[in-house]
């Protein structure tokens, strides 16, 4: 329960910081990107350092980075398909989830060797 309270407090604080950052960006649709994911990631990493040590946290941080890179590829392909091919959003996003997983696993194998 204590970790959850810390996670909420740190997450709330970092969400506020990212909300201030997103207010300065154009278009305003970027605000959602900077609102939740970075704050949750940072709160999780800070709690992981305390609970499990630096080595485990480094592995978790690396996994988060690889997942973010894979998500960038997913989002780029989905955006391209939706804008250029006018495909239905639900079908496009659902079908491209396999791309996200494939890129993430491929990056994992590249990094781990």
PDB file of N, CA and C in Angstrom:
ATOM      1  N   UNK A   1       0.826  -1.196   0.000  1.00  0.00           N
ATOM      2  CA  UNK A   1       0.000   0.000   0.000  1.00  0.00           C
ATOM      3  C   UNK A   1       0.870   1.261   0.000  1.00  0.00           C
ATOM      4  N   UNK A   2       1.986   1.170   0.722  1.00  0.00           N
ATOM      5  CA  UNK A   2       2.876   2.323   0.790  1.00  0.00           C
ATOM      6  C   UNK A   2       3.464   2.658  -0.578  1.00  0.00           C
ATOM      7  N   UNK A   3       3.850   1.610  -1.335  1.00  0.00           N
ATOM      8  CA  UNK A   3       4.398   1.846  -2.672  1.00  0.00           C
ATOM      9  C   UNK A   3       3.363   2.471  -3.595  1.00  0.00           C
ATOM     10  N   UNK A   4       2.118   2.070  -3.451  1.00  0.00           N
ATOM     11  CA  UNK A   4       1.070   2.651  -4.295  1.00  0.00           C
ATOM     12  C   UNK A   4       0.901   4.135  -4.002  1.00  0.00           C
ATOM     13  N   UNK A   5       0.939   4.513  -2.733  1.00  0.00           N
ATOM     14  CA  UNK A   5       0.812   5.926  -2.372  1.00  0.00           C
ATOM     15  C   UNK A   5       1.993   6.740  -2.908  1.00  0.00           C
ATOM     16  N   UNK A   6       3.187   6.178  -2.792  1.00  0.00           N
ATOM     17  CA  UNK A   6       4.362   6.866  -3.336  1.00  0.00           C
ATOM     18  C   UNK A   6       4.238   6.995  -4.853  1.00  0.00           C
ATOM     19  N   UNK A   7       3.812   5.919  -5.494  1.00  0.00           N
ATOM     20  CA  UNK A   7       3.652   5.942  -6.951  1.00  0.00           C
ATOM     21  C   UNK A   7       2.634   7.004  -7.370  1.00  0.00           C
ATOM     22  N   UNK A   8       1.526   7.114  -6.643  1.00  0.00           N
ATOM     23  CA  UNK A   8       0.525   8.141  -6.960  1.00  0.00           C
ATOM     24  C   UNK A   8       1.098   9.532  -6.771  1.00  0.00           C
ATOM     25  N   UNK A   9       1.844   9.732  -5.685  1.00  0.00           N
ATOM     26  CA  UNK A   9       2.396  11.060  -5.404  1.00  0.00           C
ATOM     27  C   UNK A   9       3.438  11.451  -6.453  1.00  0.00           C
ATOM     28  N   UNK A  10       4.380  10.557  -6.722  1.00  0.00           N
ATOM     29  CA  UNK A  10       5.416  10.853  -7.719  1.00  0.00           C
ATOM     30  C   UNK A  10       4.782  10.995  -9.098  1.00  0.00           C
ATOM     31  N   UNK A  11       3.879  10.089  -9.434  1.00  0.00           N
ATOM     32  CA  UNK A  11       3.204  10.165 -10.725  1.00  0.00           C
ATOM     33  C   UNK A  11       2.438  11.466 -10.898  1.00  0.00           C
ATOM     34  N   UNK A  12       1.722  11.876  -9.862  1.00  0.00           N
ATOM     35  CA  UNK A  12       0.968  13.130  -9.930  1.00  0.00           C
ATOM     36  C   UNK A  12       1.861  14.336 -10.111  1.00  0.00           C
ATOM     37  N   UNK A  13       2.976  14.333  -9.391  1.00  0.00           N
ATOM     38  CA  UNK A  13       3.923  15.441  -9.509  1.00  0.00           C
ATOM     39  C   UNK A  13       4.512  15.507 -10.919  1.00  0.00           C
ATOM     40  N   UNK A  14       4.929  14.367 -11.438  1.00  0.00           N
ATOM     41  CA  UNK A  14       5.546  14.350 -12.762  1.00  0.00           C
ATOM     42  C   UNK A  14       4.508  14.624 -13.850  1.00  0.00           C
ATOM     43  N   UNK A  15       3.278  14.154 -13.671  1.00  0.00           N
ATOM     44  CA  UNK A  15       2.212  14.488 -14.628  1.00  0.00           C
ATOM     45  C   UNK A  15       2.040  15.998 -14.693  1.00  0.00           C
ATOM     46  N   UNK A  16       2.077  16.648 -13.548  1.00  0.00           N
ATOM     47  CA  UNK A  16       1.939  18.105 -13.527  1.00  0.00           C
ATOM     48  C   UNK A  16       3.078  18.780 -14.276  1.00  0.00           C
ATOM     49  N   UNK A  17       4.300  18.287 -14.079  1.00  0.00           N
ATOM     50  CA  UNK A  17       5.441  18.860 -14.804  1.00  0.00           C
ATOM     51  C   UNK A  17       5.299  18.672 -16.315  1.00  0.00           C
ATOM     52  N   UNK A  18       4.902  17.474 -16.724  1.00  0.00           N
ATOM     53  CA  UNK A  18       4.732  17.221 -18.154  1.00  0.00           C
ATOM     54  C   UNK A  18       3.540  17.995 -18.715  1.00  0.00           C
ATOM     55  N   UNK A  19       2.522  18.238 -17.916  1.00  0.00           N
ATOM     56  CA  UNK A  19       1.393  19.050 -18.377  1.00  0.00           C
ATOM     57  C   UNK A  19       1.846  20.481 -18.637  1.00  0.00           C
ATOM     58  N   UNK A  20       2.711  20.990 -17.778  1.00  0.00           N
ATOM     59  CA  UNK A  20       3.257  22.330 -18.012  1.00  0.00           C
ATOM     60  C   UNK A  20       4.082  22.365 -19.292  1.00  0.00           C
ATOM     61  N   UNK A  21       4.878  21.323 -19.521  1.00  0.00           N
ATOM     62  CA  UNK A  21       5.661  21.235 -20.749  1.00  0.00           C
ATOM     63  C   UNK A  21       4.760  21.164 -21.973  1.00  0.00           C
ATOM     64  N   UNK A  22       3.721  20.364 -21.895  1.00  0.00           N
ATOM     65  CA  UNK A  22       2.858  20.181 -23.060  1.00  0.00           C
ATOM     66  C   UNK A  22       2.056  21.432 -23.387  1.00  0.00           C
ATOM     67  N   UNK A  23       1.859  22.311 -22.408  1.00  0.00           N
ATOM     68  CA  UNK A  23       1.162  23.570 -22.681  1.00  0.00           C
ATOM     69  C   UNK A  23       1.940  24.443 -23.656  1.00  0.00           C
ATOM     70  N   UNK A  24       3.241  24.260 -23.692  1.00  0.00           N
ATOM     71  CA  UNK A  24       4.059  25.091 -24.575  1.00  0.00           C
ATOM     72  C   UNK A  24       4.169  24.520 -25.981  1.00  0.00           C
ATOM     73  N   UNK A  25       3.729  23.284 -26.190  1.00  0.00           N
ATOM     74  CA  UNK A  25       3.875  22.628 -27.493  1.00  0.00           C
ATOM     75  C   UNK A  25       2.671  22.875 -28.386  1.00  0.00           C
ATOM     76  N   UNK A  26       2.933  22.835 -29.671  1.00  0.00           N
ATOM     77  CA  UNK A  26       1.875  22.912 -30.673  1.00  0.00           C
ATOM     78  C   UNK A  26       1.976  21.666 -31.530  1.00  0.00           C
ATOM     79  N   UNK A  27       0.971  21.008 -31.937  1.00  0.00           N
ATOM     80  CA  UNK A  27      -0.425  21.193 -31.551  1.00  0.00           C
ATOM     81  C   UNK A  27      -0.689  20.642 -30.149  1.00  0.00           C
ATOM     82  N   UNK A  28      -1.805  21.002 -29.633  1.00  0.00           N
ATOM     83  CA  UNK A  28      -2.166  20.609 -28.276  1.00  0.00           C
ATOM     84  C   UNK A  28      -2.403  19.111 -28.144  1.00  0.00           C
ATOM     85  N   UNK A  29      -2.497  18.406 -29.238  1.00  0.00           N
ATOM     86  CA  UNK A  29      -2.707  16.957 -29.175  1.00  0.00           C
ATOM     87  C   UNK A  29      -1.498  16.240 -28.568  1.00  0.00           C
ATOM     88  N   UNK A  30      -0.348  16.901 -28.521  1.00  0.00           N
ATOM     89  CA  UNK A  30       0.821  16.307 -27.880  1.00  0.00           C
ATOM     90  C   UNK A  30       0.677  16.244 -26.368  1.00  0.00           C
ATOM     91  N   UNK A  31      -0.255  16.990 -25.819  1.00  0.00           N
ATOM     92  CA  UNK A  31      -0.405  17.048 -24.362  1.00  0.00           C
ATOM     93  C   UNK A  31      -0.652  15.666 -23.766  1.00  0.00           C
ATOM     94  N   UNK A  32      -1.442  14.844 -24.411  1.00  0.00           N
ATOM     95  CA  UNK A  32      -1.718  13.509 -23.899  1.00  0.00           C
ATOM     96  C   UNK A  32      -0.494  12.620 -23.883  1.00  0.00           C
ATOM     97  N   UNK A  33       0.373  12.792 -24.877  1.00  0.00           N
ATOM     98  CA  UNK A  33       1.600  12.000 -24.926  1.00  0.00           C
ATOM     99  C   UNK A  33       2.504  12.286 -23.745  1.00  0.00           C
ATOM    100  N   UNK A  34       2.549  13.539 -23.337  1.00  0.00           N
ATOM    101  CA  UNK A  34       3.447  13.914 -22.259  1.00  0.00           C
ATOM    102  C   UNK A  34       2.764  13.888 -20.892  1.00  0.00           C
ATOM    103  N   UNK A  35       1.509  13.500 -20.848  1.00  0.00           N
ATOM    104  CA  UNK A  35       0.783  13.509 -19.584  1.00  0.00           C
ATOM    105  C   UNK A  35       0.964  12.280 -18.738  1.00  0.00           C
ATOM    106  N   UNK A  36       0.824  11.108 -19.312  1.00  0.00           N
ATOM    107  CA  UNK A  36       0.753   9.901 -18.494  1.00  0.00           C
ATOM    108  C   UNK A  36       1.984   9.015 -18.577  1.00  0.00           C
ATOM    109  N   UNK A  37       2.370   8.607 -19.748  1.00  0.00           N
ATOM    110  CA  UNK A  37       3.415   7.577 -19.884  1.00  0.00           C
ATOM    111  C   UNK A  37       4.730   7.948 -19.221  1.00  0.00           C
ATOM    112  N   UNK A  38       5.283   9.134 -19.451  1.00  0.00           N
ATOM    113  CA  UNK A  38       6.566   9.434 -18.798  1.00  0.00           C
ATOM    114  C   UNK A  38       6.463   9.447 -17.277  1.00  0.00           C
ATOM    115  N   UNK A  39       5.361   9.975 -16.763  1.00  0.00           N
ATOM    116  CA  UNK A  39       5.236  10.055 -15.310  1.00  0.00           C
ATOM    117  C   UNK A  39       5.093   8.682 -14.680  1.00  0.00           C
ATOM    118  N   UNK A  40       4.339   7.819 -15.299  1.00  0.00           N
ATOM    119  CA  UNK A  40       4.186   6.457 -14.778  1.00  0.00           C
ATOM    120  C   UNK A  40       5.516   5.724 -14.853  1.00  0.00           C
ATOM    121  N   UNK A  41       6.235   5.877 -15.958  1.00  0.00           N
ATOM    122  CA  UNK A  41       7.537   5.244 -16.099  1.00  0.00           C
ATOM    123  C   UNK A  41       8.532   5.718 -15.058  1.00  0.00           C
ATOM    124  N   UNK A  42       8.597   7.023 -14.840  1.00  0.00           N
ATOM    125  CA  UNK A  42       9.526   7.558 -13.848  1.00  0.00           C
ATOM    126  C   UNK A  42       9.162   7.135 -12.434  1.00  0.00           C
ATOM    127  N   UNK A  43       7.877   7.137 -12.133  1.00  0.00           N
ATOM    128  CA  UNK A  43       7.452   6.692 -10.799  1.00  0.00           C
ATOM    129  C   UNK A  43       7.791   5.219 -10.598  1.00  0.00           C
ATOM    130  N   UNK A  44       7.567   4.413 -11.607  1.00  0.00           N
ATOM    131  CA  UNK A  44       7.876   2.985 -11.521  1.00  0.00           C
ATOM    132  C   UNK A  44       9.371   2.762 -11.340  1.00  0.00           C
ATOM    133  N   UNK A  45      10.178   3.484 -12.098  1.00  0.00           N
ATOM    134  CA  UNK A  45      11.625   3.322 -11.976  1.00  0.00           C
ATOM    135  C   UNK A  45      12.138   3.767 -10.612  1.00  0.00           C
ATOM    136  N   UNK A  46      11.597   4.859 -10.093  1.00  0.00           N
ATOM    137  CA  UNK A  46      12.057   5.316  -8.777  1.00  0.00           C
ATOM    138  C   UNK A  46      11.703   4.307  -7.689  1.00  0.00           C
ATOM    139  N   UNK A  47      10.541   3.717  -7.766  1.00  0.00           N
ATOM    140  CA  UNK A  47      10.166   2.689  -6.790  1.00  0.00           C
ATOM    141  C   UNK A  47      10.975   1.415  -6.987  1.00  0.00           C
ATOM    142  N   UNK A  48      11.296   1.091  -8.220  1.00  0.00           N
ATOM    143  CA  UNK A  48      12.073  -0.110  -8.504  1.00  0.00           C
ATOM    144  C   UNK A  48      13.491   0.011  -7.950  1.00  0.00           C
ATOM    145  N   UNK A  49      14.073   1.207  -8.023  1.00  0.00           N
ATOM    146  CA  UNK A  49      15.408   1.417  -7.456  1.00  0.00           C
ATOM    147  C   UNK A  49      15.390   1.118  -5.965  1.00  0.00           C
ATOM    148  N   UNK A  50      14.389   1.633  -5.273  1.00  0.00           N
ATOM    149  CA  UNK A  50      14.301   1.441  -3.822  1.00  0.00           C
ATOM    150  C   UNK A  50      14.042  -0.024  -3.487  1.00  0.00           C
ATOM    151  N   UNK A  51      13.164  -0.670  -4.227  1.00  0.00           N
ATOM    152  CA  UNK A  51      12.755  -2.030  -3.886  1.00  0.00           C
ATOM    153  C   UNK A  51      13.738  -3.102  -4.359  1.00  0.00           C
ATOM    154  N   UNK A  52      14.339  -2.913  -5.543  1.00  0.00           N
ATOM    155  CA  UNK A  52      15.117  -4.005  -6.144  1.00  0.00           C
ATOM    156  C   UNK A  52      16.558  -3.665  -6.485  1.00  0.00           C
ATOM    157  N   UNK A  53      16.959  -2.428  -6.327  1.00  0.00           N
ATOM    158  CA  UNK A  53      18.345  -2.068  -6.617  1.00  0.00           C
ATOM    159  C   UNK A  53      18.558  -1.543  -8.024  1.00  0.00           C
ATOM    160  N   UNK A  54      19.780  -1.062  -8.236  1.00  0.00           N
ATOM    161  CA  UNK A  54      20.101  -0.399  -9.501  1.00  0.00           C
ATOM    162  C   UNK A  54      20.183  -1.351 -10.687  1.00  0.00           C
ATOM    163  N   UNK A  55      20.739  -2.533 -10.490  1.00  0.00           N
ATOM    164  CA  UNK A  55      20.917  -3.461 -11.621  1.00  0.00           C
ATOM    165  C   UNK A  55      19.569  -3.865 -12.219  1.00  0.00           C
ATOM    166  N   UNK A  56      18.625  -4.192 -11.365  1.00  0.00           N
ATOM    167  CA  UNK A  56      17.291  -4.576 -11.847  1.00  0.00           C
ATOM    168  C   UNK A  56      16.613  -3.379 -12.510  1.00  0.00           C
ATOM    169  N   UNK A  57      16.800  -2.198 -11.941  1.00  0.00           N
ATOM    170  CA  UNK A  57      16.180  -0.995 -12.501  1.00  0.00           C
ATOM    171  C   UNK A  57      16.752  -0.681 -13.875  1.00  0.00           C
ATOM    172  N   UNK A  58      18.049  -0.922 -14.064  1.00  0.00           N
ATOM    173  CA  UNK A  58      18.645  -0.697 -15.384  1.00  0.00           C
ATOM    174  C   UNK A  58      18.011  -1.595 -16.437  1.00  0.00           C
ATOM    175  N   UNK A  59      17.752  -2.841 -16.057  1.00  0.00           N
ATOM    176  CA  UNK A  59      17.107  -3.769 -16.981  1.00  0.00           C
ATOM    177  C   UNK A  59      15.682  -3.300 -17.305  1.00  0.00           C
ATOM    178  N   UNK A  60      14.970  -2.839 -16.295  1.00  0.00           N
ATOM    179  CA  UNK A  60      13.613  -2.336 -16.517  1.00  0.00           C
ATOM    180  C   UNK A  60      13.615  -1.089 -17.395  1.00  0.00           C
ATOM    181  N   UNK A  61      14.557  -0.189 -17.145  1.00  0.00           N
ATOM    182  CA  UNK A  61      14.641   1.042 -17.946  1.00  0.00           C
ATOM    183  C   UNK A  61      14.962   0.716 -19.399  1.00  0.00           C
ATOM    184  N   UNK A  62      15.875  -0.235 -19.608  1.00  0.00           N
ATOM    185  CA  UNK A  62      16.204  -0.646 -20.975  1.00  0.00           C
ATOM    186  C   UNK A  62      14.978  -1.216 -21.673  1.00  0.00           C
ATOM    187  N   UNK A  63      14.208  -2.015 -20.959  1.00  0.00           N
ATOM    188  CA  UNK A  63      12.987  -2.584 -21.537  1.00  0.00           C
ATOM    189  C   UNK A  63      11.983  -1.498 -21.896  1.00  0.00           C
ATOM    190  N   UNK A  64      11.875  -0.482 -21.048  1.00  0.00           N
ATOM    191  CA  UNK A  64      10.965   0.636 -21.338  1.00  0.00           C
ATOM    192  C   UNK A  64      11.408   1.390 -22.589  1.00  0.00           C
ATOM    193  N   UNK A  65      12.698   1.595 -22.728  1.00  0.00           N
ATOM    194  CA  UNK A  65      13.221   2.310 -23.898  1.00  0.00           C
ATOM    195  C   UNK A  65      12.958   1.511 -25.171  1.00  0.00           C
ATOM    196  N   UNK A  66      13.225   0.211 -25.128  1.00  0.00           N
ATOM    197  CA  UNK A  66      12.974  -0.631 -26.305  1.00  0.00           C
ATOM    198  C   UNK A  66      11.484  -0.639 -26.655  1.00  0.00           C
ATOM    199  N   UNK A  67      10.631  -0.702 -25.654  1.00  0.00           N
ATOM    200  CA  UNK A  67       9.192  -0.655 -25.898  1.00  0.00           C
ATOM    201  C   UNK A  67       8.763   0.668 -26.515  1.00  0.00           C
ATOM    202  N   UNK A  68       9.394   1.757 -26.083  1.00  0.00           N
ATOM    203  CA  UNK A  68       9.074   3.071 -26.635  1.00  0.00           C
ATOM    204  C   UNK A  68       9.514   3.186 -28.089  1.00  0.00           C
ATOM    205  N   UNK A  69      10.681   2.647 -28.406  1.00  0.00           N
ATOM    206  CA  UNK A  69      11.151   2.656 -29.798  1.00  0.00           C
ATOM    207  C   UNK A  69      10.212   1.829 -30.674  1.00  0.00           C
ATOM    208  N   UNK A  70       9.827   0.662 -30.168  1.00  0.00           N
ATOM    209  CA  UNK A  70       8.889  -0.182 -30.915  1.00  0.00           C
ATOM    210  C   UNK A  70       7.554   0.534 -31.096  1.00  0.00           C
ATOM    211  N   UNK A  71       7.106   1.245 -30.060  1.00  0.00           N
ATOM    212  CA  UNK A  71       5.854   1.996 -30.167  1.00  0.00           C
ATOM    213  C   UNK A  71       5.964   3.101 -31.206  1.00  0.00           C
ATOM    214  N   UNK A  72       7.135   3.727 -31.324  1.00  0.00           N
ATOM    215  CA  UNK A  72       7.334   4.757 -32.342  1.00  0.00           C
ATOM    216  C   UNK A  72       7.106   4.173 -33.741  1.00  0.00           C
ATOM    217  N   UNK A  73       7.674   2.983 -33.989  1.00  0.00           N
ATOM    218  CA  UNK A  73       7.464   2.337 -35.290  1.00  0.00           C
ATOM    219  C   UNK A  73       5.990   2.002 -35.499  1.00  0.00           C
ATOM    220  N   UNK A  74       5.352   1.472 -34.473  1.00  0.00           N
ATOM    221  CA  UNK A  74       3.923   1.152 -34.539  1.00  0.00           C
ATOM    222  C   UNK A  74       3.114   2.408 -34.869  1.00  0.00           C
ATOM    223  N   UNK A  75       3.353   3.472 -34.109  1.00  0.00           N
ATOM    224  CA  UNK A  75       2.590   4.709 -34.309  1.00  0.00           C
ATOM    225  C   UNK A  75       2.846   5.309 -35.680  1.00  0.00           C
ATOM    226  N   UNK A  76       4.077   5.214 -36.162  1.00  0.00           N
ATOM    227  CA  UNK A  76       4.397   5.751 -37.485  1.00  0.00           C
ATOM    228  C   UNK A  76       3.659   4.993 -38.587  1.00  0.00           C
ATOM    229  N   UNK A  77       3.669   3.676 -38.501  1.00  0.00           N
ATOM    230  CA  UNK A  77       2.981   2.864 -39.515  1.00  0.00           C
ATOM    231  C   UNK A  77       1.470   3.078 -39.452  1.00  0.00           C
ATOM    232  N   UNK A  78       0.920   3.085 -38.247  1.00  0.00           N
ATOM    233  CA  UNK A  78      -0.524   3.309 -38.102  1.00  0.00           C
ATOM    234  C   UNK A  78      -0.909   4.671 -38.653  1.00  0.00           C
ATOM    235  N   UNK A  79      -0.140   5.698 -38.316  1.00  0.00           N
ATOM    236  CA  UNK A  79      -0.447   7.046 -38.822  1.00  0.00           C
ATOM    237  C   UNK A  79      -0.392   7.089 -40.337  1.00  0.00           C
ATOM    238  N   UNK A  80       0.639   6.476 -40.905  1.00  0.00           N
ATOM    239  CA  UNK A  80       0.770   6.470 -42.349  1.00  0.00           C
ATOM    240  C   UNK A  80      -0.415   5.758 -43.007  1.00  0.00           C
ATOM    241  N   UNK A  81      -0.771   4.583 -42.474  1.00  0.00           N
ATOM    242  CA  UNK A  81      -1.889   3.829 -43.049  1.00  0.00           C
ATOM    243  C   UNK A  81      -3.213   4.585 -42.933  1.00  0.00           C
ATOM    244  N   UNK A  82      -3.429   5.217 -41.793  1.00  0.00           N
ATOM    245  CA  UNK A  82      -4.687   5.943 -41.605  1.00  0.00           C
ATOM    246  C   UNK A  82      -4.777   7.172 -42.491  1.00  0.00           C
ATOM    247  N   UNK A  83      -3.656   7.864 -42.666  1.00  0.00           N
ATOM    248  CA  UNK A  83      -3.691   9.095 -43.466  1.00  0.00           C
ATOM    249  C   UNK A  83      -3.642   8.827 -44.965  1.00  0.00           C
ATOM    250  N   UNK A  84      -2.858   7.857 -45.383  1.00  0.00           N
ATOM    251  CA  UNK A  84      -2.659   7.632 -46.817  1.00  0.00           C
ATOM    252  C   UNK A  84      -3.644   6.646 -47.422  1.00  0.00           C
ATOM    253  N   UNK A  85      -4.013   5.647 -46.660  1.00  0.00           N
ATOM    254  CA  UNK A  85      -4.851   4.578 -47.215  1.00  0.00           C
ATOM    255  C   UNK A  85      -6.304   4.646 -46.759  1.00  0.00           C
ATOM    256  N   UNK A  86      -6.610   5.536 -45.822  1.00  0.00           N
ATOM    257  CA  UNK A  86      -7.979   5.705 -45.306  1.00  0.00           C
ATOM    258  C   UNK A  86      -8.593   4.386 -44.825  1.00  0.00           C
ATOM    259  N   UNK A  87      -7.823   3.602 -44.115  1.00  0.00           N
ATOM    260  CA  UNK A  87      -8.311   2.342 -43.561  1.00  0.00           C
ATOM    261  C   UNK A  87      -9.061   2.598 -42.253  1.00  0.00           C
ATOM    262  N   UNK A  88      -9.941   1.695 -41.861  1.00  0.00           N
ATOM    263  CA  UNK A  88     -10.651   1.862 -40.585  1.00  0.00           C
ATOM    264  C   UNK A  88      -9.657   1.819 -39.407  1.00  0.00           C
ATOM    265  N   UNK A  89      -9.841   2.712 -38.453  1.00  0.00           N
ATOM    266  CA  UNK A  89      -8.895   2.859 -37.350  1.00  0.00           C
ATOM    267  C   UNK A  89      -8.797   1.602 -36.482  1.00  0.00           C
ATOM    268  N   UNK A  90      -9.914   0.992 -36.143  1.00  0.00           N
ATOM    269  CA  UNK A  90      -9.881  -0.180 -35.263  1.00  0.00           C
ATOM    270  C   UNK A  90      -9.137  -1.345 -35.910  1.00  0.00           C
ATOM    271  N   UNK A  91      -9.411  -1.587 -37.162  1.00  0.00           N
ATOM    272  CA  UNK A  91      -8.747  -2.684 -37.867  1.00  0.00           C
ATOM    273  C   UNK A  91      -7.253  -2.391 -38.024  1.00  0.00           C
ATOM    274  N   UNK A  92      -6.919  -1.167 -38.384  1.00  0.00           N
ATOM    275  CA  UNK A  92      -5.520  -0.795 -38.596  1.00  0.00           C
ATOM    276  C   UNK A  92      -4.717  -0.903 -37.311  1.00  0.00           C
ATOM    277  N   UNK A  93      -5.208  -0.315 -36.236  1.00  0.00           N
ATOM    278  CA  UNK A  93      -4.468  -0.351 -34.975  1.00  0.00           C
ATOM    279  C   UNK A  93      -4.364  -1.767 -34.424  1.00  0.00           C
ATOM    280  N   UNK A  94      -5.417  -2.531 -34.548  1.00  0.00           N
ATOM    281  CA  UNK A  94      -5.386  -3.916 -34.059  1.00  0.00           C
ATOM    282  C   UNK A  94      -4.410  -4.769 -34.853  1.00  0.00           C
ATOM    283  N   UNK A  95      -4.436  -4.633 -36.161  1.00  0.00           N
ATOM    284  CA  UNK A  95      -3.550  -5.437 -37.005  1.00  0.00           C
ATOM    285  C   UNK A  95      -2.090  -5.060 -36.802  1.00  0.00           C
ATOM    286  N   UNK A  96      -1.823  -3.809 -36.537  1.00  0.00           N
ATOM    287  CA  UNK A  96      -0.437  -3.358 -36.390  1.00  0.00           C
ATOM    288  C   UNK A  96       0.151  -3.668 -35.014  1.00  0.00           C
ATOM    289  N   UNK A  97      -0.644  -4.146 -34.086  1.00  0.00           N
ATOM    290  CA  UNK A  97      -0.089  -4.535 -32.786  1.00  0.00           C
ATOM    291  C   UNK A  97       0.978  -5.612 -32.939  1.00  0.00           C
ATOM    292  N   UNK A  98       0.818  -6.478 -33.914  1.00  0.00           N
ATOM    293  CA  UNK A  98       1.829  -7.499 -34.171  1.00  0.00           C
ATOM    294  C   UNK A  98       3.162  -6.850 -34.562  1.00  0.00           C
ATOM    295  N   UNK A  99       3.111  -5.731 -35.268  1.00  0.00           N
ATOM    296  CA  UNK A  99       4.323  -5.004 -35.622  1.00  0.00           C
ATOM    297  C   UNK A  99       5.040  -4.512 -34.370  1.00  0.00           C
ATOM    298  N   UNK A 100       4.284  -3.961 -33.432  1.00  0.00           N
ATOM    299  CA  UNK A 100       4.850  -3.463 -32.182  1.00  0.00           C
ATOM    300  C   UNK A 100       5.579  -4.591 -31.450  1.00  0.00           C
ATOM    301  N   UNK A 101       4.930  -5.727 -31.334  1.00  0.00           N
ATOM    302  CA  UNK A 101       5.522  -6.875 -30.643  1.00  0.00           C
ATOM    303  C   UNK A 101       6.766  -7.357 -31.393  1.00  0.00           C
ATOM    304  N   UNK A 102       6.680  -7.454 -32.713  1.00  0.00           N
ATOM    305  CA  UNK A 102       7.813  -7.941 -33.502  1.00  0.00           C
ATOM    306  C   UNK A 102       9.019  -7.016 -33.383  1.00  0.00           C
ATOM    307  N   UNK A 103       8.793  -5.717 -33.451  1.00  0.00           N
ATOM    308  CA  UNK A 103       9.900  -4.768 -33.331  1.00  0.00           C
ATOM    309  C   UNK A 103      10.494  -4.820 -31.924  1.00  0.00           C
ATOM    310  N   UNK A 104       9.638  -4.898 -30.912  1.00  0.00           N
ATOM    311  CA  UNK A 104      10.144  -4.952 -29.536  1.00  0.00           C
ATOM    312  C   UNK A 104      10.982  -6.210 -29.305  1.00  0.00           C
ATOM    313  N   UNK A 105      10.522  -7.332 -29.771  1.00  0.00           N
ATOM    314  CA  UNK A 105      11.271  -8.589 -29.603  1.00  0.00           C
ATOM    315  C   UNK A 105      12.562  -8.550 -30.427  1.00  0.00           C
ATOM    316  N   UNK A 106      12.484  -8.013 -31.639  1.00  0.00           N
ATOM    317  CA  UNK A 106      13.682  -7.884 -32.462  1.00  0.00           C
ATOM    318  C   UNK A 106      14.732  -6.988 -31.806  1.00  0.00           C
ATOM    319  N   UNK A 107      14.294  -5.870 -31.244  1.00  0.00           N
ATOM    320  CA  UNK A 107      15.226  -4.989 -30.540  1.00  0.00           C
ATOM    321  C   UNK A 107      15.819  -5.668 -29.319  1.00  0.00           C
ATOM    322  N   UNK A 108      15.021  -6.434 -28.629  1.00  0.00           N
ATOM    323  CA  UNK A 108      15.502  -7.157 -27.454  1.00  0.00           C
ATOM    324  C   UNK A 108      16.616  -8.122 -27.844  1.00  0.00           C
ATOM    325  N   UNK A 109      16.407  -8.865 -28.926  1.00  0.00           N
ATOM    326  CA  UNK A 109      17.440  -9.795 -29.389  1.00  0.00           C
ATOM    327  C   UNK A 109      18.688  -9.058 -29.870  1.00  0.00           C
ATOM    328  N   UNK A 110      18.506  -7.892 -30.498  1.00  0.00           N
ATOM    329  CA  UNK A 110      19.669  -7.103 -30.921  1.00  0.00           C
ATOM    330  C   UNK A 110      20.486  -6.619 -29.721  1.00  0.00           C
ATOM    331  N   UNK A 111      19.790  -6.151 -28.696  1.00  0.00           N
ATOM    332  CA  UNK A 111      20.481  -5.614 -27.523  1.00  0.00           C
ATOM    333  C   UNK A 111      21.117  -6.712 -26.691  1.00  0.00           C
ATOM    334  N   UNK A 112      20.410  -7.813 -26.492  1.00  0.00           N
ATOM    335  CA  UNK A 112      20.929  -8.891 -25.658  1.00  0.00           C
ATOM    336  C   UNK A 112      21.922  -9.787 -26.390  1.00  0.00           C
ATOM    337  N   UNK A 113      21.859  -9.750 -27.700  1.00  0.00           N
ATOM    338  CA  UNK A 113      22.801 -10.533 -28.492  1.00  0.00           C
ATOM    339  C   UNK A 113      22.381 -11.874 -28.777  1.00  0.00           C
TER     340      UNK A 113
END
